[in-house]
């Protein structure tokens, strides 16, 4: 991965942001968009699935907002 250059690296997990380095040599800019980690949800499979879908939708909404506003 270090051989390819990317314009943006987007970190979407609070826990990953805590343990990952803040500087990514392959990215010109690093964005941190914290979302809950759906893998940490305990309970029945249905509750876990609902949380994954909720976070997926939040990431999609944030990405669409960013593309519409920040890159325009």
PDB file of N, CA and C in Angstrom:
ATOM      1  N   UNK A   1       0.801  -1.193   0.000  1.00  0.00           N
ATOM      2  CA  UNK A   1       0.000   0.000   0.000  1.00  0.00           C
ATOM      3  C   UNK A   1       0.846   1.259   0.000  1.00  0.00           C
ATOM      4  N   UNK A   2       1.997   1.234   0.595  1.00  0.00           N
ATOM      5  CA  UNK A   2       2.839   2.413   0.670  1.00  0.00           C
ATOM      6  C   UNK A   2       3.394   2.867  -0.663  1.00  0.00           C
ATOM      7  N   UNK A   3       3.238   2.061  -1.702  1.00  0.00           N
ATOM      8  CA  UNK A   3       3.784   2.426  -3.013  1.00  0.00           C
ATOM      9  C   UNK A   3       2.809   3.251  -3.834  1.00  0.00           C
ATOM     10  N   UNK A   4       1.525   3.179  -3.509  1.00  0.00           N
ATOM     11  CA  UNK A   4       0.511   3.934  -4.231  1.00  0.00           C
ATOM     12  C   UNK A   4       0.206   5.224  -3.484  1.00  0.00           C
ATOM     13  N   UNK A   5      -0.029   6.278  -4.215  1.00  0.00           N
ATOM     14  CA  UNK A   5      -0.381   7.549  -3.605  1.00  0.00           C
ATOM     15  C   UNK A   5      -1.882   7.756  -3.711  1.00  0.00           C
ATOM     16  N   UNK A   6      -2.487   8.201  -2.613  1.00  0.00           N
ATOM     17  CA  UNK A   6      -3.911   8.486  -2.579  1.00  0.00           C
ATOM     18  C   UNK A   6      -4.098   9.919  -2.139  1.00  0.00           C
ATOM     19  N   UNK A   7      -5.160  10.519  -2.585  1.00  0.00           N
ATOM     20  CA  UNK A   7      -5.440  11.890  -2.196  1.00  0.00           C
ATOM     21  C   UNK A   7      -5.961  11.957  -0.755  1.00  0.00           C
ATOM     22  N   UNK A   8      -6.811  10.988  -0.378  1.00  0.00           N
ATOM     23  CA  UNK A   8      -7.412  10.994   0.957  1.00  0.00           C
ATOM     24  C   UNK A   8      -7.344   9.609   1.587  1.00  0.00           C
ATOM     25  N   UNK A   9      -7.124   9.590   2.894  1.00  0.00           N
ATOM     26  CA  UNK A   9      -7.317   8.394   3.720  1.00  0.00           C
ATOM     27  C   UNK A   9      -8.401   8.776   4.721  1.00  0.00           C
ATOM     28  N   UNK A  10      -9.464   7.983   4.786  1.00  0.00           N
ATOM     29  CA  UNK A  10     -10.573   8.294   5.684  1.00  0.00           C
ATOM     30  C   UNK A  10     -10.664   7.201   6.741  1.00  0.00           C
ATOM     31  N   UNK A  11     -10.498   7.607   8.002  1.00  0.00           N
ATOM     32  CA  UNK A  11     -10.589   6.693   9.135  1.00  0.00           C
ATOM     33  C   UNK A  11     -12.003   6.816   9.681  1.00  0.00           C
ATOM     34  N   UNK A  12     -12.718   5.703   9.792  1.00  0.00           N
ATOM     35  CA  UNK A  12     -14.127   5.767  10.181  1.00  0.00           C
ATOM     36  C   UNK A  12     -14.415   5.162  11.554  1.00  0.00           C
ATOM     37  N   UNK A  13     -13.420   4.679  12.242  1.00  0.00           N
ATOM     38  CA  UNK A  13     -13.650   4.025  13.527  1.00  0.00           C
ATOM     39  C   UNK A  13     -12.865   4.726  14.624  1.00  0.00           C
ATOM     40  N   UNK A  14     -13.550   5.087  15.701  1.00  0.00           N
ATOM     41  CA  UNK A  14     -12.871   5.727  16.833  1.00  0.00           C
ATOM     42  C   UNK A  14     -11.712   4.895  17.336  1.00  0.00           C
ATOM     43  N   UNK A  15     -11.965   3.608  17.525  1.00  0.00           N
ATOM     44  CA  UNK A  15     -10.936   2.724  18.072  1.00  0.00           C
ATOM     45  C   UNK A  15      -9.730   2.658  17.147  1.00  0.00           C
ATOM     46  N   UNK A  16      -9.961   2.593  15.845  1.00  0.00           N
ATOM     47  CA  UNK A  16      -8.850   2.549  14.889  1.00  0.00           C
ATOM     48  C   UNK A  16      -8.070   3.860  14.912  1.00  0.00           C
ATOM     49  N   UNK A  17      -8.771   4.958  15.055  1.00  0.00           N
ATOM     50  CA  UNK A  17      -8.100   6.255  15.094  1.00  0.00           C
ATOM     51  C   UNK A  17      -7.198   6.374  16.315  1.00  0.00           C
ATOM     52  N   UNK A  18      -7.587   5.720  17.406  1.00  0.00           N
ATOM     53  CA  UNK A  18      -6.787   5.775  18.621  1.00  0.00           C
ATOM     54  C   UNK A  18      -5.472   5.020  18.477  1.00  0.00           C
ATOM     55  N   UNK A  19      -5.504   3.886  17.794  1.00  0.00           N
ATOM     56  CA  UNK A  19      -4.313   3.044  17.722  1.00  0.00           C
ATOM     57  C   UNK A  19      -3.546   3.184  16.413  1.00  0.00           C
ATOM     58  N   UNK A  20      -4.157   3.772  15.407  1.00  0.00           N
ATOM     59  CA  UNK A  20      -3.490   3.937  14.119  1.00  0.00           C
ATOM     60  C   UNK A  20      -2.662   5.217  14.114  1.00  0.00           C
ATOM     61  N   UNK A  21      -1.606   5.230  13.356  1.00  0.00           N
ATOM     62  CA  UNK A  21      -0.841   6.474  13.243  1.00  0.00           C
ATOM     63  C   UNK A  21      -1.692   7.559  12.586  1.00  0.00           C
ATOM     64  N   UNK A  22      -1.443   8.795  12.931  1.00  0.00           N
ATOM     65  CA  UNK A  22      -2.201   9.917  12.367  1.00  0.00           C
ATOM     66  C   UNK A  22      -1.700  10.311  10.978  1.00  0.00           C
ATOM     67  N   UNK A  23      -0.515   9.883  10.636  1.00  0.00           N
ATOM     68  CA  UNK A  23       0.060  10.232   9.342  1.00  0.00           C
ATOM     69  C   UNK A  23       0.134   8.969   8.490  1.00  0.00           C
ATOM     70  N   UNK A  24      -0.480   9.026   7.330  1.00  0.00           N
ATOM     71  CA  UNK A  24      -0.446   7.918   6.398  1.00  0.00           C
ATOM     72  C   UNK A  24       0.403   8.351   5.209  1.00  0.00           C
ATOM     73  N   UNK A  25       1.554   7.745   5.016  1.00  0.00           N
ATOM     74  CA  UNK A  25       2.481   8.217   3.988  1.00  0.00           C
ATOM     75  C   UNK A  25       1.926   8.130   2.567  1.00  0.00           C
ATOM     76  N   UNK A  26       0.924   7.300   2.368  1.00  0.00           N
ATOM     77  CA  UNK A  26       0.373   7.134   1.027  1.00  0.00           C
ATOM     78  C   UNK A  26      -0.738   8.124   0.729  1.00  0.00           C
ATOM     79  N   UNK A  27      -1.180   8.903   1.729  1.00  0.00           N
ATOM     80  CA  UNK A  27      -2.305   9.818   1.539  1.00  0.00           C
ATOM     81  C   UNK A  27      -1.849  11.268   1.674  1.00  0.00           C
ATOM     82  N   UNK A  28      -2.359  12.107   0.807  1.00  0.00           N
ATOM     83  CA  UNK A  28      -2.049  13.531   0.889  1.00  0.00           C
ATOM     84  C   UNK A  28      -2.780  14.185   2.060  1.00  0.00           C
ATOM     85  N   UNK A  29      -3.972  13.655   2.386  1.00  0.00           N
ATOM     86  CA  UNK A  29      -4.752  14.202   3.499  1.00  0.00           C
ATOM     87  C   UNK A  29      -5.463  13.062   4.222  1.00  0.00           C
ATOM     88  N   UNK A  30      -5.468  13.107   5.554  1.00  0.00           N
ATOM     89  CA  UNK A  30      -6.154  12.107   6.360  1.00  0.00           C
ATOM     90  C   UNK A  30      -7.354  12.747   7.031  1.00  0.00           C
ATOM     91  N   UNK A  31      -8.514  12.130   6.855  1.00  0.00           N
ATOM     92  CA  UNK A  31      -9.745  12.598   7.481  1.00  0.00           C
ATOM     93  C   UNK A  31     -10.170  11.565   8.511  1.00  0.00           C
ATOM     94  N   UNK A  32     -10.628  12.019   9.675  1.00  0.00           N
ATOM     95  CA  UNK A  32     -11.109  11.107  10.704  1.00  0.00           C
ATOM     96  C   UNK A  32     -12.594  11.380  10.909  1.00  0.00           C
ATOM     97  N   UNK A  33     -13.392  10.412  10.536  1.00  0.00           N
ATOM     98  CA  UNK A  33     -14.841  10.487  10.699  1.00  0.00           C
ATOM     99  C   UNK A  33     -15.247   9.381  11.665  1.00  0.00           C
ATOM    100  N   UNK A  34     -15.342   9.655  12.941  1.00  0.00           N
ATOM    101  CA  UNK A  34     -15.617   8.591  13.905  1.00  0.00           C
ATOM    102  C   UNK A  34     -17.062   8.092  13.829  1.00  0.00           C
ATOM    103  N   UNK A  35     -17.195   6.803  13.759  1.00  0.00           N
ATOM    104  CA  UNK A  35     -18.488   6.123  13.809  1.00  0.00           C
ATOM    105  C   UNK A  35     -18.378   5.001  14.832  1.00  0.00           C
ATOM    106  N   UNK A  36     -19.507   4.624  15.396  1.00  0.00           N
ATOM    107  CA  UNK A  36     -19.513   3.492  16.309  1.00  0.00           C
ATOM    108  C   UNK A  36     -19.045   2.247  15.558  1.00  0.00           C
ATOM    109  N   UNK A  37     -18.371   1.368  16.257  1.00  0.00           N
ATOM    110  CA  UNK A  37     -17.926   0.109  15.660  1.00  0.00           C
ATOM    111  C   UNK A  37     -19.051  -0.910  15.825  1.00  0.00           C
ATOM    112  N   UNK A  38     -19.736  -1.267  14.754  1.00  0.00           N
ATOM    113  CA  UNK A  38     -20.857  -2.191  14.871  1.00  0.00           C
ATOM    114  C   UNK A  38     -20.435  -3.597  15.295  1.00  0.00           C
ATOM    115  N   UNK A  39     -19.170  -3.923  15.137  1.00  0.00           N
ATOM    116  CA  UNK A  39     -18.686  -5.247  15.541  1.00  0.00           C
ATOM    117  C   UNK A  39     -18.688  -5.404  17.059  1.00  0.00           C
ATOM    118  N   UNK A  40     -18.774  -4.286  17.790  1.00  0.00           N
ATOM    119  CA  UNK A  40     -18.761  -4.350  19.247  1.00  0.00           C
ATOM    120  C   UNK A  40     -20.148  -4.565  19.853  1.00  0.00           C
ATOM    121  N   UNK A  41     -21.185  -4.549  19.023  1.00  0.00           N
ATOM    122  CA  UNK A  41     -22.545  -4.730  19.517  1.00  0.00           C
ATOM    123  C   UNK A  41     -22.730  -6.164  19.991  1.00  0.00           C
ATOM    124  N   UNK A  42     -23.243  -6.275  21.187  1.00  0.00           N
ATOM    125  CA  UNK A  42     -23.534  -7.600  21.730  1.00  0.00           C
ATOM    126  C   UNK A  42     -25.037  -7.827  21.652  1.00  0.00           C
ATOM    127  N   UNK A  43     -25.400  -9.074  21.636  1.00  0.00           N
ATOM    128  CA  UNK A  43     -26.814  -9.403  21.592  1.00  0.00           C
ATOM    129  C   UNK A  43     -27.132 -10.298  20.424  1.00  0.00           C
ATOM    130  N   UNK A  44     -28.407 -10.415  20.127  1.00  0.00           N
ATOM    131  CA  UNK A  44     -28.820 -11.305  19.037  1.00  0.00           C
ATOM    132  C   UNK A  44     -28.304 -10.831  17.676  1.00  0.00           C
ATOM    133  N   UNK A  45     -28.222 -11.774  16.764  1.00  0.00           N
ATOM    134  CA  UNK A  45     -27.723 -11.493  15.413  1.00  0.00           C
ATOM    135  C   UNK A  45     -28.504 -10.351  14.772  1.00  0.00           C
ATOM    136  N   UNK A  46     -29.795 -10.303  14.982  1.00  0.00           N
ATOM    137  CA  UNK A  46     -30.627  -9.254  14.375  1.00  0.00           C
ATOM    138  C   UNK A  46     -30.200  -7.862  14.863  1.00  0.00           C
ATOM    139  N   UNK A  47     -29.889  -7.723  16.147  1.00  0.00           N
ATOM    140  CA  UNK A  47     -29.451  -6.434  16.690  1.00  0.00           C
ATOM    141  C   UNK A  47     -28.117  -6.024  16.073  1.00  0.00           C
ATOM    142  N   UNK A  48     -27.216  -6.981  15.909  1.00  0.00           N
ATOM    143  CA  UNK A  48     -25.920  -6.698  15.290  1.00  0.00           C
ATOM    144  C   UNK A  48     -26.105  -6.255  13.847  1.00  0.00           C
ATOM    145  N   UNK A  49     -26.946  -6.950  13.124  1.00  0.00           N
ATOM    146  CA  UNK A  49     -27.204  -6.616  11.730  1.00  0.00           C
ATOM    147  C   UNK A  49     -27.808  -5.220  11.605  1.00  0.00           C
ATOM    148  N   UNK A  50     -28.725  -4.894  12.484  1.00  0.00           N
ATOM    149  CA  UNK A  50     -29.337  -3.563  12.454  1.00  0.00           C
ATOM    150  C   UNK A  50     -28.292  -2.476  12.696  1.00  0.00           C
ATOM    151  N   UNK A  51     -27.352  -2.726  13.614  1.00  0.00           N
ATOM    152  CA  UNK A  51     -26.310  -1.749  13.903  1.00  0.00           C
ATOM    153  C   UNK A  51     -25.371  -1.590  12.708  1.00  0.00           C
ATOM    154  N   UNK A  52     -24.991  -2.690  12.070  1.00  0.00           N
ATOM    155  CA  UNK A  52     -24.152  -2.605  10.871  1.00  0.00           C
ATOM    156  C   UNK A  52     -24.840  -1.777   9.804  1.00  0.00           C
ATOM    157  N   UNK A  53     -26.120  -1.998   9.610  1.00  0.00           N
ATOM    158  CA  UNK A  53     -26.862  -1.234   8.592  1.00  0.00           C
ATOM    159  C   UNK A  53     -26.960   0.239   8.965  1.00  0.00           C
ATOM    160  N   UNK A  54     -27.167   0.526  10.248  1.00  0.00           N
ATOM    161  CA  UNK A  54     -27.248   1.907  10.705  1.00  0.00           C
ATOM    162  C   UNK A  54     -25.925   2.639  10.446  1.00  0.00           C
ATOM    163  N   UNK A  55     -24.824   2.021  10.809  1.00  0.00           N
ATOM    164  CA  UNK A  55     -23.514   2.646  10.606  1.00  0.00           C
ATOM    165  C   UNK A  55     -23.198   2.755   9.116  1.00  0.00           C
ATOM    166  N   UNK A  56     -23.549   1.751   8.351  1.00  0.00           N
ATOM    167  CA  UNK A  56     -23.357   1.813   6.892  1.00  0.00           C
ATOM    168  C   UNK A  56     -24.072   3.031   6.318  1.00  0.00           C
ATOM    169  N   UNK A  57     -25.310   3.251   6.754  1.00  0.00           N
ATOM    170  CA  UNK A  57     -26.093   4.377   6.254  1.00  0.00           C
ATOM    171  C   UNK A  57     -25.504   5.713   6.706  1.00  0.00           C
ATOM    172  N   UNK A  58     -24.975   5.763   7.923  1.00  0.00           N
ATOM    173  CA  UNK A  58     -24.333   6.985   8.412  1.00  0.00           C
ATOM    174  C   UNK A  58     -23.081   7.307   7.595  1.00  0.00           C
ATOM    175  N   UNK A  59     -22.302   6.282   7.284  1.00  0.00           N
ATOM    176  CA  UNK A  59     -21.094   6.484   6.473  1.00  0.00           C
ATOM    177  C   UNK A  59     -21.475   6.957   5.072  1.00  0.00           C
ATOM    178  N   UNK A  60     -22.495   6.355   4.498  1.00  0.00           N
ATOM    179  CA  UNK A  60     -22.948   6.780   3.169  1.00  0.00           C
ATOM    180  C   UNK A  60     -23.388   8.241   3.179  1.00  0.00           C
ATOM    181  N   UNK A  61     -24.165   8.633   4.193  1.00  0.00           N
ATOM    182  CA  UNK A  61     -24.646  10.007   4.278  1.00  0.00           C
ATOM    183  C   UNK A  61     -23.479  10.987   4.426  1.00  0.00           C
ATOM    184  N   UNK A  62     -22.515  10.635   5.263  1.00  0.00           N
ATOM    185  CA  UNK A  62     -21.359  11.514   5.467  1.00  0.00           C
ATOM    186  C   UNK A  62     -20.529  11.630   4.194  1.00  0.00           C
ATOM    187  N   UNK A  63     -20.349  10.522   3.512  1.00  0.00           N
ATOM    188  CA  UNK A  63     -19.591  10.532   2.266  1.00  0.00           C
ATOM    189  C   UNK A  63     -20.293  11.363   1.202  1.00  0.00           C
ATOM    190  N   UNK A  64     -21.599  11.218   1.077  1.00  0.00           N
ATOM    191  CA  UNK A  64     -22.354  12.017   0.097  1.00  0.00           C
ATOM    192  C   UNK A  64     -22.271  13.508   0.423  1.00  0.00           C
ATOM    193  N   UNK A  65     -22.392  13.844   1.715  1.00  0.00           N
ATOM    194  CA  UNK A  65     -22.293  15.241   2.133  1.00  0.00           C
ATOM    195  C   UNK A  65     -20.917  15.803   1.789  1.00  0.00           C
ATOM    196  N   UNK A  66     -19.882  15.032   2.072  1.00  0.00           N
ATOM    197  CA  UNK A  66     -18.518  15.455   1.781  1.00  0.00           C
ATOM    198  C   UNK A  66     -18.305  15.653   0.284  1.00  0.00           C
ATOM    199  N   UNK A  67     -18.775  14.725  -0.495  1.00  0.00           N
ATOM    200  CA  UNK A  67     -18.611  14.834  -1.950  1.00  0.00           C
ATOM    201  C   UNK A  67     -19.379  16.025  -2.508  1.00  0.00           C
ATOM    202  N   UNK A  68     -20.578  16.269  -1.982  1.00  0.00           N
ATOM    203  CA  UNK A  68     -21.394  17.383  -2.473  1.00  0.00           C
ATOM    204  C   UNK A  68     -20.846  18.737  -2.062  1.00  0.00           C
ATOM    205  N   UNK A  69     -20.292  18.838  -0.858  1.00  0.00           N
ATOM    206  CA  UNK A  69     -19.883  20.143  -0.326  1.00  0.00           C
ATOM    207  C   UNK A  69     -18.387  20.389  -0.370  1.00  0.00           C
ATOM    208  N   UNK A  70     -17.614  19.459   0.138  1.00  0.00           N
ATOM    209  CA  UNK A  70     -16.201  19.699   0.325  1.00  0.00           C
ATOM    210  C   UNK A  70     -15.386  19.599  -0.959  1.00  0.00           C
ATOM    211  N   UNK A  71     -15.854  18.840  -1.906  1.00  0.00           N
ATOM    212  CA  UNK A  71     -15.095  18.701  -3.150  1.00  0.00           C
ATOM    213  C   UNK A  71     -15.646  19.545  -4.279  1.00  0.00           C
ATOM    214  N   UNK A  72     -16.721  20.237  -4.024  1.00  0.00           N
ATOM    215  CA  UNK A  72     -17.356  21.057  -5.081  1.00  0.00           C
ATOM    216  C   UNK A  72     -16.523  22.269  -5.408  1.00  0.00           C
TER     217      UNK A  72
END
